[in-house]
C-alpha cells in the first residue's frame, strides 16, 4: 500500500511539473509553441480553451498531490 502511494505521488509530481511548464507565462514559455499552432489552425478561442484546460488540470493535480502527501504521511511510521 505504501509503495503504491509513493509511486502515485511521484506520478502526480511529474505531471504537475509538466503541466506548470506548459502553461503560458509572461514570455509564453512552452505553451506558446503549442497554443501558437492552435491559434493558427483554430483561431484564438481554442488557444484560450487550452490555457483553461491546463489551469484546471494543474488544480486537479495539485489537489491530488496534496491529498496523497497527507495520506502517505499518515501511513508512514516514523
N, C-alpha and C. Protein backbone atom coordinates (compact mmCIF):
# COMPACT_ATOMS: atom_id res chain seq x y z
N UNK A 1 0.83 -1.20 0.00
CA UNK A 1 0.00 0.00 0.00
C UNK A 1 0.87 1.26 0.00
N UNK A 2 1.90 1.24 0.84
CA UNK A 2 2.77 2.40 0.95
C UNK A 2 3.54 2.63 -0.36
N UNK A 3 4.00 1.56 -0.97
CA UNK A 3 4.76 1.68 -2.22
C UNK A 3 3.85 2.22 -3.33
N UNK A 4 2.63 1.75 -3.38
CA UNK A 4 1.68 2.23 -4.38
C UNK A 4 1.41 3.73 -4.23
N UNK A 5 1.26 4.17 -2.98
CA UNK A 5 1.02 5.59 -2.74
C UNK A 5 2.24 6.43 -3.12
N UNK A 6 3.44 5.90 -2.86
CA UNK A 6 4.65 6.62 -3.23
C UNK A 6 4.77 6.74 -4.75
N UNK A 7 4.45 5.67 -5.45
CA UNK A 7 4.50 5.70 -6.92
C UNK A 7 3.49 6.71 -7.45
N UNK A 8 2.28 6.71 -6.91
CA UNK A 8 1.26 7.68 -7.33
C UNK A 8 1.70 9.11 -7.03
N UNK A 9 2.37 9.31 -5.90
CA UNK A 9 2.84 10.65 -5.54
C UNK A 9 3.89 11.13 -6.54
N UNK A 10 4.78 10.25 -6.96
CA UNK A 10 5.79 10.62 -7.95
C UNK A 10 5.13 10.93 -9.30
N UNK A 11 4.14 10.15 -9.69
CA UNK A 11 3.43 10.39 -10.95
C UNK A 11 2.72 11.74 -10.90
N UNK A 12 2.07 12.05 -9.78
CA UNK A 12 1.40 13.34 -9.64
C UNK A 12 2.42 14.48 -9.67
N UNK A 13 3.57 14.30 -9.03
CA UNK A 13 4.59 15.34 -9.00
C UNK A 13 5.13 15.62 -10.40
N UNK A 14 5.44 14.57 -11.14
CA UNK A 14 5.96 14.75 -12.50
C UNK A 14 4.89 15.38 -13.40
N UNK A 15 3.64 14.93 -13.26
CA UNK A 15 2.55 15.52 -14.04
C UNK A 15 2.34 16.98 -13.71
N UNK A 16 2.44 17.33 -12.43
CA UNK A 16 2.26 18.71 -12.00
C UNK A 16 3.37 19.60 -12.56
N UNK A 17 4.60 19.11 -12.52
CA UNK A 17 5.72 19.87 -13.07
C UNK A 17 5.52 20.09 -14.57
N UNK A 18 5.14 19.04 -15.28
CA UNK A 18 4.96 19.15 -16.73
C UNK A 18 3.85 20.13 -17.09
N UNK A 19 2.74 20.08 -16.38
CA UNK A 19 1.60 20.95 -16.70
C UNK A 19 1.93 22.41 -16.38
N UNK A 20 2.65 22.64 -15.28
CA UNK A 20 3.03 24.01 -14.94
C UNK A 20 3.97 24.57 -16.00
N UNK A 21 4.89 23.75 -16.50
CA UNK A 21 5.81 24.23 -17.53
C UNK A 21 5.09 24.49 -18.86
N UNK A 22 4.00 23.82 -19.11
CA UNK A 22 3.25 24.03 -20.36
C UNK A 22 2.39 25.29 -20.34
N UNK A 23 2.11 25.83 -19.15
CA UNK A 23 1.23 26.99 -19.07
C UNK A 23 1.90 28.24 -19.59
N UNK A 24 1.08 29.14 -20.07
CA UNK A 24 1.58 30.40 -20.62
C UNK A 24 2.06 31.29 -19.49
N UNK A 25 3.27 31.77 -19.62
CA UNK A 25 3.82 32.71 -18.67
C UNK A 25 3.91 34.09 -19.30
N UNK A 26 4.70 34.95 -18.70
CA UNK A 26 4.86 36.28 -19.26
C UNK A 26 5.55 36.25 -20.62
N UNK A 27 6.42 35.26 -20.81
CA UNK A 27 7.13 35.16 -22.09
C UNK A 27 6.58 34.04 -22.97
N UNK A 28 5.43 33.52 -22.63
CA UNK A 28 4.70 32.48 -23.37
C UNK A 28 5.27 31.08 -23.15
N UNK A 29 6.53 30.90 -22.79
CA UNK A 29 7.09 29.60 -22.43
C UNK A 29 6.80 28.51 -23.44
N UNK A 30 6.66 27.29 -22.95
CA UNK A 30 6.37 26.15 -23.82
C UNK A 30 4.95 26.20 -24.36
N UNK A 31 4.06 26.85 -23.63
CA UNK A 31 2.67 26.94 -24.07
C UNK A 31 2.56 27.73 -25.37
N UNK A 32 3.47 28.66 -25.60
CA UNK A 32 3.44 29.45 -26.82
C UNK A 32 3.64 28.60 -28.06
N UNK A 33 4.46 27.59 -27.95
CA UNK A 33 4.69 26.71 -29.10
C UNK A 33 3.44 25.90 -29.42
N UNK A 34 2.75 25.44 -28.39
CA UNK A 34 1.55 24.63 -28.59
C UNK A 34 0.37 25.52 -28.98
N UNK A 35 0.13 26.56 -28.19
CA UNK A 35 -1.04 27.39 -28.46
C UNK A 35 -0.84 28.24 -29.70
N UNK A 36 0.41 28.53 -30.07
CA UNK A 36 0.65 29.28 -31.30
C UNK A 36 0.17 28.51 -32.51
N UNK A 37 0.44 27.22 -32.52
CA UNK A 37 -0.07 26.37 -33.60
C UNK A 37 -1.57 26.24 -33.55
N UNK A 38 -2.12 26.19 -32.35
CA UNK A 38 -3.58 26.08 -32.20
C UNK A 38 -4.26 27.36 -32.67
N UNK A 39 -3.65 28.51 -32.37
CA UNK A 39 -4.23 29.77 -32.83
C UNK A 39 -4.21 29.85 -34.35
N UNK A 40 -3.16 29.36 -34.94
CA UNK A 40 -3.05 29.40 -36.39
C UNK A 40 -4.12 28.52 -37.05
N UNK A 41 -4.34 27.34 -36.49
CA UNK A 41 -5.29 26.41 -37.10
C UNK A 41 -6.74 26.69 -36.72
N UNK A 42 -6.98 27.00 -35.45
CA UNK A 42 -8.35 27.07 -34.95
C UNK A 42 -8.79 28.46 -34.52
N UNK A 43 -7.93 29.42 -34.51
CA UNK A 43 -8.28 30.75 -34.04
C UNK A 43 -7.98 30.90 -32.56
N UNK A 44 -8.17 32.09 -32.04
CA UNK A 44 -7.81 32.40 -30.66
C UNK A 44 -8.66 31.66 -29.64
N UNK A 45 -9.89 31.36 -29.92
CA UNK A 45 -10.79 30.72 -28.96
C UNK A 45 -10.25 29.39 -28.48
N UNK A 46 -9.71 28.57 -29.36
CA UNK A 46 -9.18 27.27 -28.97
C UNK A 46 -7.94 27.41 -28.11
N UNK A 47 -7.12 28.43 -28.36
CA UNK A 47 -5.92 28.62 -27.56
C UNK A 47 -6.30 28.97 -26.12
N UNK A 48 -7.33 29.78 -25.94
CA UNK A 48 -7.80 30.10 -24.59
C UNK A 48 -8.37 28.86 -23.92
N UNK A 49 -8.98 27.99 -24.69
CA UNK A 49 -9.50 26.74 -24.16
C UNK A 49 -8.39 25.84 -23.66
N UNK A 50 -7.26 25.85 -24.38
CA UNK A 50 -6.11 25.07 -23.95
C UNK A 50 -5.55 25.59 -22.65
N UNK A 51 -5.46 26.91 -22.51
CA UNK A 51 -4.98 27.50 -21.26
C UNK A 51 -5.92 27.19 -20.10
N UNK A 52 -7.21 27.25 -20.36
CA UNK A 52 -8.19 26.93 -19.32
C UNK A 52 -8.08 25.47 -18.91
N UNK A 53 -7.91 24.58 -19.89
CA UNK A 53 -7.73 23.16 -19.59
C UNK A 53 -6.48 22.92 -18.75
N UNK A 54 -5.38 23.59 -19.09
CA UNK A 54 -4.15 23.43 -18.34
C UNK A 54 -4.29 23.97 -16.91
N UNK A 55 -5.03 25.05 -16.74
CA UNK A 55 -5.26 25.58 -15.39
C UNK A 55 -6.07 24.60 -14.55
N UNK A 56 -7.10 24.03 -15.13
CA UNK A 56 -7.92 23.07 -14.38
C UNK A 56 -7.15 21.79 -14.09
N UNK A 57 -6.34 21.35 -15.04
CA UNK A 57 -5.52 20.16 -14.83
C UNK A 57 -4.49 20.41 -13.73
N UNK A 58 -3.92 21.60 -13.69
CA UNK A 58 -2.98 21.96 -12.63
C UNK A 58 -3.65 21.93 -11.27
N UNK A 59 -4.84 22.48 -11.18
CA UNK A 59 -5.57 22.48 -9.90
C UNK A 59 -5.88 21.06 -9.46
N UNK A 60 -6.29 20.21 -10.39
CA UNK A 60 -6.59 18.82 -10.04
C UNK A 60 -5.36 18.06 -9.60
N UNK A 61 -4.26 18.23 -10.33
CA UNK A 61 -3.02 17.54 -9.96
C UNK A 61 -2.48 18.05 -8.63
N UNK A 62 -2.59 19.36 -8.39
CA UNK A 62 -2.11 19.92 -7.12
C UNK A 62 -2.94 19.40 -5.95
N UNK A 63 -4.24 19.31 -6.14
CA UNK A 63 -5.11 18.76 -5.09
C UNK A 63 -4.79 17.30 -4.83
N UNK A 64 -4.62 16.53 -5.89
CA UNK A 64 -4.26 15.12 -5.73
C UNK A 64 -2.92 14.95 -5.05
N UNK A 65 -1.94 15.77 -5.42
CA UNK A 65 -0.62 15.72 -4.81
C UNK A 65 -0.71 16.03 -3.31
N UNK A 66 -1.47 17.07 -2.97
CA UNK A 66 -1.63 17.46 -1.58
C UNK A 66 -2.29 16.35 -0.76
N UNK A 67 -3.37 15.79 -1.29
CA UNK A 67 -4.08 14.73 -0.57
C UNK A 67 -3.23 13.46 -0.44
N UNK A 68 -2.53 13.09 -1.50
CA UNK A 68 -1.66 11.93 -1.44
C UNK A 68 -0.53 12.14 -0.43
N UNK A 69 -0.02 13.36 -0.35
CA UNK A 69 1.03 13.66 0.63
C UNK A 69 0.51 13.48 2.05
N UNK A 70 -0.70 13.97 2.29
CA UNK A 70 -1.29 13.82 3.62
C UNK A 70 -1.55 12.35 3.96
N UNK A 71 -2.09 11.61 3.02
CA UNK A 71 -2.38 10.20 3.25
C UNK A 71 -1.11 9.41 3.46
N UNK A 72 -0.10 9.69 2.65
CA UNK A 72 1.16 8.99 2.77
C UNK A 72 1.85 9.30 4.10
N UNK A 73 1.78 10.54 4.53
CA UNK A 73 2.39 10.89 5.81
C UNK A 73 1.66 10.20 6.98
N UNK A 74 0.38 9.92 6.81
CA UNK A 74 -0.35 9.21 7.85
C UNK A 74 0.08 7.73 7.92
N UNK A 75 0.37 7.12 6.76
CA UNK A 75 0.71 5.71 6.73
C UNK A 75 2.17 5.41 7.05
N UNK A 76 3.04 6.39 6.87
CA UNK A 76 4.46 6.15 7.15
C UNK A 76 4.68 6.15 8.65
N UNK A 77 5.38 5.15 9.11
CA UNK A 77 5.71 5.08 10.53
C UNK A 77 7.03 5.77 10.75
N UNK A 78 7.09 6.68 11.69
CA UNK A 78 8.34 7.38 11.98
C UNK A 78 9.14 6.64 12.97
